[in-house]
Amino acid sequence: LGEGEGLGTTINVPLPARTGFHVYDSIFRQVMVPAMDRFD
């Protein structure tokens, strides 16, 4: 997740092999976008 002052500014999403688009799409819209919005 980061450390020190950078704690919370690392976001990793490890996924198993053969993962398809609908999983990526959900992650982008429901995790990446809120994180982007919050970080500004």
PDB file of all heavy atoms in Angstrom:
ATOM      1  N   LEU A   1       0.798  -1.225   0.000  1.00  0.00           N
ATOM      2  CA  LEU A   1       0.000   0.000   0.000  1.00  0.00           C
ATOM      3  C   LEU A   1       0.830   1.274   0.000  1.00  0.00           C
ATOM      4  O   LEU A   1       0.265   2.377   0.002  1.00  0.00           O
ATOM      5  CB  LEU A   1      -0.918   0.027   1.237  1.00  0.00           C
ATOM      6  CG  LEU A   1      -1.784  -1.208   1.475  1.00  0.00           C
ATOM      7  CD1 LEU A   1      -2.542  -1.070   2.790  1.00  0.00           C
ATOM      8  CD2 LEU A   1      -2.754  -1.409   0.320  1.00  0.00           C
ATOM      9  N   GLY A   2       2.158   1.150   0.001  1.00  0.00           N
ATOM     10  CA  GLY A   2       3.009   2.308   0.241  1.00  0.00           C
ATOM     11  C   GLY A   2       3.404   2.339   1.698  1.00  0.00           C
ATOM     12  O   GLY A   2       2.921   1.549   2.522  1.00  0.00           O
ATOM     13  N   GLU A   3       4.301   3.270   2.027  1.00  0.00           N
ATOM     14  CA  GLU A   3       4.725   3.371   3.421  1.00  0.00           C
ATOM     15  C   GLU A   3       5.067   4.813   3.754  1.00  0.00           C
ATOM     16  O   GLU A   3       5.257   5.653   2.871  1.00  0.00           O
ATOM     17  CB  GLU A   3       5.919   2.462   3.691  1.00  0.00           C
ATOM     18  CG  GLU A   3       7.160   2.804   2.902  1.00  0.00           C
ATOM     19  CD  GLU A   3       8.299   1.808   3.117  1.00  0.00           C
ATOM     20  OE1 GLU A   3       8.029   0.724   3.668  1.00  0.00           O
ATOM     21  OE2 GLU A   3       9.443   2.124   2.736  1.00  0.00           O
ATOM     22  N   GLY A   4       5.162   5.084   5.054  1.00  0.00           N
ATOM     23  CA  GLY A   4       5.464   6.440   5.484  1.00  0.00           C
ATOM     24  C   GLY A   4       4.418   7.414   4.986  1.00  0.00           C
ATOM     25  O   GLY A   4       3.210   7.134   5.036  1.00  0.00           O
ATOM     26  N   GLU A   5       4.851   8.552   4.477  1.00  0.00           N
ATOM     27  CA  GLU A   5       3.915   9.547   3.962  1.00  0.00           C
ATOM     28  C   GLU A   5       3.183   9.037   2.724  1.00  0.00           C
ATOM     29  O   GLU A   5       2.119   9.550   2.369  1.00  0.00           O
ATOM     30  CB  GLU A   5       4.655  10.843   3.634  1.00  0.00           C
ATOM     31  CG  GLU A   5       5.204  11.564   4.864  1.00  0.00           C
ATOM     32  CD  GLU A   5       5.868  12.879   4.489  1.00  0.00           C
ATOM     33  OE1 GLU A   5       6.044  13.149   3.278  1.00  0.00           O
ATOM     34  OE2 GLU A   5       6.200  13.645   5.410  1.00  0.00           O
ATOM     35  N   GLY A   6       3.747   8.030   2.068  1.00  0.00           N
ATOM     36  CA  GLY A   6       3.113   7.473   0.878  1.00  0.00           C
ATOM     37  C   GLY A   6       2.138   6.350   1.147  1.00  0.00           C
ATOM     38  O   GLY A   6       1.608   5.757   0.207  1.00  0.00           O
ATOM     39  N   LEU A   7       1.871   6.052   2.407  1.00  0.00           N
ATOM     40  CA  LEU A   7       0.922   4.995   2.735  1.00  0.00           C
ATOM     41  C   LEU A   7      -0.449   5.328   2.143  1.00  0.00           C
ATOM     42  O   LEU A   7      -1.000   6.398   2.384  1.00  0.00           O
ATOM     43  CB  LEU A   7       0.804   4.828   4.248  1.00  0.00           C
ATOM     44  CG  LEU A   7      -0.122   3.704   4.728  1.00  0.00           C
ATOM     45  CD1 LEU A   7       0.393   2.350   4.267  1.00  0.00           C
ATOM     46  CD2 LEU A   7      -0.270   3.744   6.245  1.00  0.00           C
ATOM     47  N   GLY A   8      -0.967   4.403   1.328  1.00  0.00           N
ATOM     48  CA  GLY A   8      -2.268   4.609   0.708  1.00  0.00           C
ATOM     49  C   GLY A   8      -2.197   5.094  -0.727  1.00  0.00           C
ATOM     50  O   GLY A   8      -3.233   5.165  -1.398  1.00  0.00           O
ATOM     51  N   THR A   9      -0.992   5.407  -1.206  1.00  0.00           N
ATOM     52  CA  THR A   9      -0.885   5.892  -2.594  1.00  0.00           C
ATOM     53  C   THR A   9      -0.308   4.832  -3.528  1.00  0.00           C
ATOM     54  O   THR A   9       0.153   5.155  -4.617  1.00  0.00           O
ATOM     55  CB  THR A   9      -0.046   7.177  -2.673  1.00  0.00           C
ATOM     56  OG1 THR A   9       1.230   6.958  -2.064  1.00  0.00           O
ATOM     57  CG2 THR A   9      -0.742   8.328  -1.971  1.00  0.00           C
ATOM     58  N   THR A  10      -0.352   3.585  -3.109  1.00  0.00           N
ATOM     59  CA  THR A  10      -0.058   2.450  -3.985  1.00  0.00           C
ATOM     60  C   THR A  10      -1.270   1.534  -3.963  1.00  0.00           C
ATOM     61  O   THR A  10      -1.728   1.126  -2.887  1.00  0.00           O
ATOM     62  CB  THR A  10       1.184   1.678  -3.516  1.00  0.00           C
ATOM     63  OG1 THR A  10       2.340   2.505  -3.654  1.00  0.00           O
ATOM     64  CG2 THR A  10       1.378   0.414  -4.341  1.00  0.00           C
ATOM     65  N   ILE A  11      -1.815   1.247  -5.139  1.00  0.00           N
ATOM     66  CA  ILE A  11      -2.986   0.373  -5.257  1.00  0.00           C
ATOM     67  C   ILE A  11      -2.657  -0.723  -6.259  1.00  0.00           C
ATOM     68  O   ILE A  11      -2.431  -0.449  -7.439  1.00  0.00           O
ATOM     69  CB  ILE A  11      -4.233   1.150  -5.716  1.00  0.00           C
ATOM     70  CG1 ILE A  11      -4.587   2.236  -4.699  1.00  0.00           C
ATOM     71  CG2 ILE A  11      -5.413   0.190  -5.915  1.00  0.00           C
ATOM     72  CD1 ILE A  11      -5.763   3.103  -5.110  1.00  0.00           C
ATOM     73  N   ASN A  12      -2.604  -1.954  -5.775  1.00  0.00           N
ATOM     74  CA  ASN A  12      -2.323  -3.111  -6.624  1.00  0.00           C
ATOM     75  C   ASN A  12      -3.541  -4.013  -6.723  1.00  0.00           C
ATOM     76  O   ASN A  12      -4.198  -4.295  -5.713  1.00  0.00           O
ATOM     77  CB  ASN A  12      -1.158  -3.920  -6.055  1.00  0.00           C
ATOM     78  CG  ASN A  12       0.179  -3.241  -6.284  1.00  0.00           C
ATOM     79  OD1 ASN A  12       0.505  -2.869  -7.404  1.00  0.00           O
ATOM     80  ND2 ASN A  12       0.957  -3.077  -5.225  1.00  0.00           N
ATOM     81  N   VAL A  13      -3.804  -4.465  -7.938  1.00  0.00           N
ATOM     82  CA  VAL A  13      -4.903  -5.407  -8.157  1.00  0.00           C
ATOM     83  C   VAL A  13      -4.340  -6.624  -8.893  1.00  0.00           C
ATOM     84  O   VAL A  13      -4.299  -6.663 -10.129  1.00  0.00           O
ATOM     85  CB  VAL A  13      -6.041  -4.764  -8.969  1.00  0.00           C
ATOM     86  CG1 VAL A  13      -7.207  -5.749  -9.086  1.00  0.00           C
ATOM     87  CG2 VAL A  13      -6.507  -3.466  -8.317  1.00  0.00           C
ATOM     88  N   PRO A  14      -3.852  -7.629  -8.161  1.00  0.00           N
ATOM     89  CA  PRO A  14      -3.368  -8.859  -8.795  1.00  0.00           C
ATOM     90  C   PRO A  14      -4.546  -9.745  -9.192  1.00  0.00           C
ATOM     91  O   PRO A  14      -5.482  -9.938  -8.416  1.00  0.00           O
ATOM     92  CB  PRO A  14      -2.531  -9.501  -7.688  1.00  0.00           C
ATOM     93  CG  PRO A  14      -3.131  -8.988  -6.406  1.00  0.00           C
ATOM     94  CD  PRO A  14      -3.676  -7.621  -6.693  1.00  0.00           C
ATOM     95  N   LEU A  15      -4.510 -10.269 -10.413  1.00  0.00           N
ATOM     96  CA  LEU A  15      -5.609 -11.084 -10.926  1.00  0.00           C
ATOM     97  C   LEU A  15      -5.074 -12.404 -11.464  1.00  0.00           C
ATOM     98  O   LEU A  15      -3.959 -12.463 -11.983  1.00  0.00           O
ATOM     99  CB  LEU A  15      -6.334 -10.339 -12.055  1.00  0.00           C
ATOM    100  CG  LEU A  15      -7.062  -9.048 -11.656  1.00  0.00           C
ATOM    101  CD1 LEU A  15      -7.553  -8.329 -12.899  1.00  0.00           C
ATOM    102  CD2 LEU A  15      -8.219  -9.344 -10.715  1.00  0.00           C
ATOM    103  N   PRO A  16      -5.866 -13.467 -11.384  1.00  0.00           N
ATOM    104  CA  PRO A  16      -5.410 -14.765 -11.893  1.00  0.00           C
ATOM    105  C   PRO A  16      -5.367 -14.778 -13.416  1.00  0.00           C
ATOM    106  O   PRO A  16      -6.013 -13.968 -14.094  1.00  0.00           O
ATOM    107  CB  PRO A  16      -6.460 -15.739 -11.356  1.00  0.00           C
ATOM    108  CG  PRO A  16      -7.686 -14.902 -11.166  1.00  0.00           C
ATOM    109  CD  PRO A  16      -7.191 -13.555 -10.745  1.00  0.00           C
ATOM    110  N   ALA A  17      -4.591 -15.694 -13.962  1.00  0.00           N
ATOM    111  CA  ALA A  17      -4.498 -15.851 -15.413  1.00  0.00           C
ATOM    112  C   ALA A  17      -5.872 -16.088 -16.020  1.00  0.00           C
ATOM    113  O   ALA A  17      -6.782 -16.610 -15.372  1.00  0.00           O
ATOM    114  CB  ALA A  17      -3.576 -17.020 -15.745  1.00  0.00           C
ATOM    115  N   ARG A  18      -6.019 -15.672 -17.257  1.00  0.00           N
ATOM    116  CA  ARG A  18      -7.224 -15.838 -18.061  1.00  0.00           C
ATOM    117  C   ARG A  18      -8.394 -15.004 -17.549  1.00  0.00           C
ATOM    118  O   ARG A  18      -9.561 -15.321 -17.803  1.00  0.00           O
ATOM    119  CB  ARG A  18      -7.620 -17.311 -18.175  1.00  0.00           C
ATOM    120  CG  ARG A  18      -6.530 -18.181 -18.796  1.00  0.00           C
ATOM    121  CD  ARG A  18      -6.973 -19.639 -18.924  1.00  0.00           C
ATOM    122  NE  ARG A  18      -5.929 -20.462 -19.524  1.00  0.00           N
ATOM    123  CZ  ARG A  18      -4.940 -21.018 -18.852  1.00  0.00           C
ATOM    124  NH1 ARG A  18      -4.868 -20.848 -17.547  1.00  0.00           N
ATOM    125  NH2 ARG A  18      -4.028 -21.746 -19.474  1.00  0.00           N
ATOM    126  N   THR A  19      -8.088 -13.933 -16.849  1.00  0.00           N
ATOM    127  CA  THR A  19      -9.138 -13.004 -16.446  1.00  0.00           C
ATOM    128  C   THR A  19      -9.560 -12.174 -17.653  1.00  0.00           C
ATOM    129  O   THR A  19      -8.723 -11.719 -18.427  1.00  0.00           O
ATOM    130  CB  THR A  19      -8.642 -12.077 -15.319  1.00  0.00           C
ATOM    131  OG1 THR A  19      -8.357 -12.879 -14.167  1.00  0.00           O
ATOM    132  CG2 THR A  19      -9.688 -11.038 -14.953  1.00  0.00           C
ATOM    133  N   GLY A  20     -10.857 -11.946 -17.777  1.00  0.00           N
ATOM    134  CA  GLY A  20     -11.397 -11.248 -18.931  1.00  0.00           C
ATOM    135  C   GLY A  20     -11.810  -9.818 -18.652  1.00  0.00           C
ATOM    136  O   GLY A  20     -11.670  -9.297 -17.530  1.00  0.00           O
ATOM    137  N   PHE A  21     -12.365  -9.188 -19.676  1.00  0.00           N
ATOM    138  CA  PHE A  21     -12.654  -7.760 -19.646  1.00  0.00           C
ATOM    139  C   PHE A  21     -13.640  -7.366 -18.559  1.00  0.00           C
ATOM    140  O   PHE A  21     -13.467  -6.327 -17.908  1.00  0.00           O
ATOM    141  CB  PHE A  21     -13.195  -7.318 -21.015  1.00  0.00           C
ATOM    142  CG  PHE A  21     -13.827  -5.956 -20.970  1.00  0.00           C
ATOM    143  CD1 PHE A  21     -13.050  -4.816 -20.789  1.00  0.00           C
ATOM    144  CD2 PHE A  21     -15.202  -5.811 -21.086  1.00  0.00           C
ATOM    145  CE1 PHE A  21     -13.632  -3.550 -20.734  1.00  0.00           C
ATOM    146  CE2 PHE A  21     -15.786  -4.558 -21.035  1.00  0.00           C
ATOM    147  CZ  PHE A  21     -14.999  -3.430 -20.861  1.00  0.00           C
ATOM    148  N   HIS A  22     -14.687  -8.147 -18.339  1.00  0.00           N
ATOM    149  CA  HIS A  22     -15.721  -7.683 -17.405  1.00  0.00           C
ATOM    150  C   HIS A  22     -15.153  -7.511 -15.993  1.00  0.00           C
ATOM    151  O   HIS A  22     -15.631  -6.662 -15.234  1.00  0.00           O
ATOM    152  CB  HIS A  22     -16.915  -8.642 -17.392  1.00  0.00           C
ATOM    153  CG  HIS A  22     -16.640  -9.997 -16.830  1.00  0.00           C
ATOM    154  ND1 HIS A  22     -15.914 -10.961 -17.491  1.00  0.00           N
ATOM    155  CD2 HIS A  22     -16.991 -10.552 -15.625  1.00  0.00           C
ATOM    156  CE1 HIS A  22     -15.841 -12.052 -16.747  1.00  0.00           C
ATOM    157  NE2 HIS A  22     -16.468 -11.830 -15.611  1.00  0.00           N
ATOM    158  N   VAL A  23     -14.106  -8.272 -15.643  1.00  0.00           N
ATOM    159  CA  VAL A  23     -13.469  -8.093 -14.337  1.00  0.00           C
ATOM    160  C   VAL A  23     -12.654  -6.800 -14.331  1.00  0.00           C
ATOM    161  O   VAL A  23     -12.748  -5.986 -13.412  1.00  0.00           O
ATOM    162  CB  VAL A  23     -12.578  -9.303 -13.989  1.00  0.00           C
ATOM    163  CG1 VAL A  23     -11.872  -9.081 -12.649  1.00  0.00           C
ATOM    164  CG2 VAL A  23     -13.408 -10.581 -13.958  1.00  0.00           C
ATOM    165  N   TYR A  24     -11.839  -6.611 -15.368  1.00  0.00           N
ATOM    166  CA  TYR A  24     -11.070  -5.370 -15.483  1.00  0.00           C
ATOM    167  C   TYR A  24     -11.988  -4.156 -15.458  1.00  0.00           C
ATOM    168  O   TYR A  24     -11.710  -3.147 -14.796  1.00  0.00           O
ATOM    169  CB  TYR A  24     -10.276  -5.362 -16.792  1.00  0.00           C
ATOM    170  CG  TYR A  24      -8.939  -6.057 -16.772  1.00  0.00           C
ATOM    171  CD1 TYR A  24      -8.838  -7.435 -16.878  1.00  0.00           C
ATOM    172  CD2 TYR A  24      -7.762  -5.326 -16.689  1.00  0.00           C
ATOM    173  CE1 TYR A  24      -7.609  -8.077 -16.900  1.00  0.00           C
ATOM    174  CE2 TYR A  24      -6.525  -5.949 -16.713  1.00  0.00           C
ATOM    175  CZ  TYR A  24      -6.450  -7.323 -16.817  1.00  0.00           C
ATOM    176  OH  TYR A  24      -5.222  -7.953 -16.833  1.00  0.00           O
ATOM    177  N   ASP A  25     -13.076  -4.223 -16.193  1.00  0.00           N
ATOM    178  CA  ASP A  25     -13.993  -3.081 -16.295  1.00  0.00           C
ATOM    179  C   ASP A  25     -14.554  -2.709 -14.926  1.00  0.00           C
ATOM    180  O   ASP A  25     -14.611  -1.522 -14.560  1.00  0.00           O
ATOM    181  CB  ASP A  25     -15.118  -3.427 -17.267  1.00  0.00           C
ATOM    182  CG  ASP A  25     -16.027  -2.248 -17.545  1.00  0.00           C
ATOM    183  OD1 ASP A  25     -15.511  -1.174 -17.931  1.00  0.00           O
ATOM    184  OD2 ASP A  25     -17.250  -2.383 -17.377  1.00  0.00           O
ATOM    185  N   SER A  26     -14.952  -3.706 -14.167  1.00  0.00           N
ATOM    186  CA  SER A  26     -15.481  -3.436 -12.831  1.00  0.00           C
ATOM    187  C   SER A  26     -14.422  -2.809 -11.929  1.00  0.00           C
ATOM    188  O   SER A  26     -14.710  -1.881 -11.158  1.00  0.00           O
ATOM    189  CB  SER A  26     -16.001  -4.733 -12.196  1.00  0.00           C
ATOM    190  OG  SER A  26     -17.089  -5.253 -12.935  1.00  0.00           O
ATOM    191  N   ILE A  27     -13.197  -3.312 -12.021  1.00  0.00           N
ATOM    192  CA  ILE A  27     -12.103  -2.767 -11.207  1.00  0.00           C
ATOM    193  C   ILE A  27     -11.820  -1.320 -11.593  1.00  0.00           C
ATOM    194  O   ILE A  27     -11.644  -0.451 -10.728  1.00  0.00           O
ATOM    195  CB  ILE A  27     -10.846  -3.636 -11.364  1.00  0.00           C
ATOM    196  CG1 ILE A  27     -11.067  -4.996 -10.689  1.00  0.00           C
ATOM    197  CG2 ILE A  27      -9.612  -2.940 -10.794  1.00  0.00           C
ATOM    198  CD1 ILE A  27     -10.055  -6.045 -11.078  1.00  0.00           C
ATOM    199  N   PHE A  28     -11.775  -1.043 -12.880  1.00  0.00           N
ATOM    200  CA  PHE A  28     -11.510   0.328 -13.310  1.00  0.00           C
ATOM    201  C   PHE A  28     -12.598   1.273 -12.810  1.00  0.00           C
ATOM    202  O   PHE A  28     -12.311   2.361 -12.297  1.00  0.00           O
ATOM    203  CB  PHE A  28     -11.413   0.390 -14.841  1.00  0.00           C
ATOM    204  CG  PHE A  28     -10.004   0.222 -15.356  1.00  0.00           C
ATOM    205  CD1 PHE A  28      -9.222  -0.850 -14.962  1.00  0.00           C
ATOM    206  CD2 PHE A  28      -9.469   1.134 -16.249  1.00  0.00           C
ATOM    207  CE1 PHE A  28      -7.925  -1.001 -15.430  1.00  0.00           C
ATOM    208  CE2 PHE A  28      -8.183   0.996 -16.726  1.00  0.00           C
ATOM    209  CZ  PHE A  28      -7.400  -0.068 -16.322  1.00  0.00           C
ATOM    210  N   ARG A  29     -13.844   0.881 -12.963  1.00  0.00           N
ATOM    211  CA  ARG A  29     -14.947   1.787 -12.642  1.00  0.00           C
ATOM    212  C   ARG A  29     -15.208   1.908 -11.137  1.00  0.00           C
ATOM    213  O   ARG A  29     -15.583   2.978 -10.657  1.00  0.00           O
ATOM    214  CB  ARG A  29     -16.226   1.336 -13.355  1.00  0.00           C
ATOM    215  CG  ARG A  29     -16.125   1.443 -14.871  1.00  0.00           C
ATOM    216  CD  ARG A  29     -17.415   1.051 -15.567  1.00  0.00           C
ATOM    217  NE  ARG A  29     -17.269   1.097 -17.013  1.00  0.00           N
ATOM    218  CZ  ARG A  29     -17.355   2.207 -17.744  1.00  0.00           C
ATOM    219  NH1 ARG A  29     -17.604   3.366 -17.147  1.00  0.00           N
ATOM    220  NH2 ARG A  29     -17.211   2.163 -19.053  1.00  0.00           N
ATOM    221  N   GLN A  30     -14.974   0.818 -10.404  1.00  0.00           N
ATOM    222  CA  GLN A  30     -15.358   0.825  -9.001  1.00  0.00           C
ATOM    223  C   GLN A  30     -14.182   0.971  -8.031  1.00  0.00           C
ATOM    224  O   GLN A  30     -14.397   1.208  -6.837  1.00  0.00           O
ATOM    225  CB  GLN A  30     -16.134  -0.450  -8.675  1.00  0.00           C
ATOM    226  CG  GLN A  30     -17.433  -0.563  -9.469  1.00  0.00           C
ATOM    227  CD  GLN A  30     -18.226  -1.793  -9.096  1.00  0.00           C
ATOM    228  OE1 GLN A  30     -18.612  -1.975  -7.939  1.00  0.00           O
ATOM    229  NE2 GLN A  30     -18.479  -2.657 -10.073  1.00  0.00           N
ATOM    230  N   VAL A  31     -12.961   0.835  -8.522  1.00  0.00           N
ATOM    231  CA  VAL A  31     -11.787   1.013  -7.666  1.00  0.00           C
ATOM    232  C   VAL A  31     -10.900   2.136  -8.202  1.00  0.00           C
ATOM    233  O   VAL A  31     -10.605   3.096  -7.492  1.00  0.00           O
ATOM    234  CB  VAL A  31     -10.976  -0.299  -7.540  1.00  0.00           C
ATOM    235  CG1 VAL A  31      -9.755  -0.084  -6.627  1.00  0.00           C
ATOM    236  CG2 VAL A  31     -11.850  -1.418  -6.990  1.00  0.00           C
ATOM    237  N   MET A  32     -10.487   2.030  -9.458  1.00  0.00           N
ATOM    238  CA  MET A  32      -9.585   3.036  -9.999  1.00  0.00           C
ATOM    239  C   MET A  32     -10.217   4.421 -10.054  1.00  0.00           C
ATOM    240  O   MET A  32      -9.605   5.416  -9.641  1.00  0.00           O
ATOM    241  CB  MET A  32      -9.123   2.646 -11.398  1.00  0.00           C
ATOM    242  CG  MET A  32      -8.068   3.601 -11.972  1.00  0.00           C
ATOM    243  SD  MET A  32      -7.797   3.380 -13.742  1.00  0.00           S
ATOM    244  CE  MET A  32      -9.304   4.145 -14.385  1.00  0.00           C
ATOM    245  N   VAL A  33     -11.441   4.504 -10.572  1.00  0.00           N
ATOM    246  CA  VAL A  33     -12.077   5.824 -10.721  1.00  0.00           C
ATOM    247  C   VAL A  33     -12.296   6.506  -9.368  1.00  0.00           C
ATOM    248  O   VAL A  33     -11.953   7.688  -9.221  1.00  0.00           O
ATOM    249  CB  VAL A  33     -13.392   5.701 -11.518  1.00  0.00           C
ATOM    250  CG1 VAL A  33     -14.210   6.986 -11.399  1.00  0.00           C
ATOM    251  CG2 VAL A  33     -13.093   5.411 -12.985  1.00  0.00           C
ATOM    252  N   PRO A  34     -12.833   5.831  -8.354  1.00  0.00           N
ATOM    253  CA  PRO A  34     -12.942   6.503  -7.053  1.00  0.00           C
ATOM    254  C   PRO A  34     -11.588   6.923  -6.483  1.00  0.00           C
ATOM    255  O   PRO A  34     -11.470   7.996  -5.882  1.00  0.00           O
ATOM    256  CB  PRO A  34     -13.612   5.452  -6.166  1.00  0.00           C
ATOM    257  CG  PRO A  34     -14.345   4.568  -7.108  1.00  0.00           C
ATOM    258  CD  PRO A  34     -13.500   4.518  -8.343  1.00  0.00           C
ATOM    259  N   ALA A  35     -10.559   6.073  -6.668  1.00  0.00           N
ATOM    260  CA  ALA A  35      -9.229   6.439  -6.175  1.00  0.00           C
ATOM    261  C   ALA A  35      -8.697   7.655  -6.923  1.00  0.00           C
ATOM    262  O   ALA A  35      -8.088   8.557  -6.332  1.00  0.00           O
ATOM    263  CB  ALA A  35      -8.273   5.253  -6.328  1.00  0.00           C
ATOM    264  N   MET A  36      -8.910   7.694  -8.234  1.00  0.00           N
ATOM    265  CA  MET A  36      -8.506   8.844  -9.038  1.00  0.00           C
ATOM    266  C   MET A  36      -9.236  10.104  -8.585  1.00  0.00           C
ATOM    267  O   MET A  36      -8.636  11.172  -8.407  1.00  0.00           O
ATOM    268  CB  MET A  36      -8.810   8.568 -10.517  1.00  0.00           C
ATOM    269  CG  MET A  36      -8.471   9.707 -11.461  1.00  0.00           C
ATOM    270  SD  MET A  36      -9.200   9.494 -13.128  1.00  0.00           S
ATOM    271  CE  MET A  36      -8.422   7.963 -13.657  1.00  0.00           C
ATOM    272  N   ASP A  37     -10.531   9.976  -8.385  1.00  0.00           N
ATOM    273  CA  ASP A  37     -11.336  11.123  -7.971  1.00  0.00           C
ATOM    274  C   ASP A  37     -10.871  11.660  -6.615  1.00  0.00           C
ATOM    275  O   ASP A  37     -10.744  12.874  -6.425  1.00  0.00           O
ATOM    276  CB  ASP A  37     -12.809  10.705  -7.901  1.00  0.00           C
ATOM    277  CG  ASP A  37     -13.738  11.848  -7.579  1.00  0.00           C
ATOM    278  OD1 ASP A  37     -14.001  12.672  -8.476  1.00  0.00           O
ATOM    279  OD2 ASP A  37     -14.193  11.937  -6.424  1.00  0.00           O
ATOM    280  N   ARG A  38     -10.601  10.765  -5.694  1.00  0.00           N
ATOM    281  CA  ARG A  38     -10.156  11.172  -4.361  1.00  0.00           C
ATOM    282  C   ARG A  38      -8.775  11.823  -4.398  1.00  0.00           C
ATOM    283  O   ARG A  38      -8.527  12.825  -3.721  1.00  0.00           O
ATOM    284  CB  ARG A  38     -10.142   9.958  -3.433  1.00  0.00           C
ATOM    285  CG  ARG A  38      -9.736  10.265  -2.000  1.00  0.00           C
ATOM    286  CD  ARG A  38      -9.829   9.022  -1.119  1.00  0.00           C
ATOM    287  NE  ARG A  38      -8.863   7.994  -1.520  1.00  0.00           N
ATOM    288  CZ  ARG A  38      -8.806   6.783  -0.963  1.00  0.00           C
ATOM    289  NH1 ARG A  38      -9.670   6.448  -0.004  1.00  0.00           N
ATOM    290  NH2 ARG A  38      -7.895   5.906  -1.359  1.00  0.00           N
ATOM    291  N   PHE A  39      -7.878  11.279  -5.210  1.00  0.00           N
ATOM    292  CA  PHE A  39      -6.513  11.801  -5.295  1.00  0.00           C
ATOM    293  C   PHE A  39      -6.457  13.122  -6.047  1.00  0.00           C
ATOM    294  O   PHE A  39      -5.603  13.974  -5.781  1.00  0.00           O
ATOM    295  CB  PHE A  39      -5.620  10.758  -5.977  1.00  0.00           C
ATOM    296  CG  PHE A  39      -4.162  11.100  -5.992  1.00  0.00           C
ATOM    297  CD1 PHE A  39      -3.410  11.086  -4.826  1.00  0.00           C
ATOM    298  CD2 PHE A  39      -3.530  11.411  -7.183  1.00  0.00           C
ATOM    299  CE1 PHE A  39      -2.049  11.389  -4.837  1.00  0.00           C
ATOM    300  CE2 PHE A  39      -2.175  11.716  -7.221  1.00  0.00           C
ATOM    301  CZ  PHE A  39      -1.438  11.710  -6.044  1.00  0.00           C
ATOM    302  N   ASP A  40      -7.350  13.294  -7.033  1.00  0.00           N
ATOM    303  CA  ASP A  40      -7.456  14.531  -7.808  1.00  0.00           C
ATOM    304  C   ASP A  40      -6.149  14.864  -8.532  1.00  0.00           C
ATOM    305  O   ASP A  40      -5.565  15.936  -8.342  1.00  0.00           O
ATOM    306  CB  ASP A  40      -7.866  15.689  -6.891  1.00  0.00           C
ATOM    307  CG  ASP A  40      -8.397  16.893  -7.660  1.00  0.00           C
ATOM    308  OD1 ASP A  40      -8.854  16.708  -8.803  1.00  0.00           O
ATOM    309  OD2 ASP A  40      -8.338  18.012  -7.129  1.00  0.00           O
TER     310      ASP A  40
END
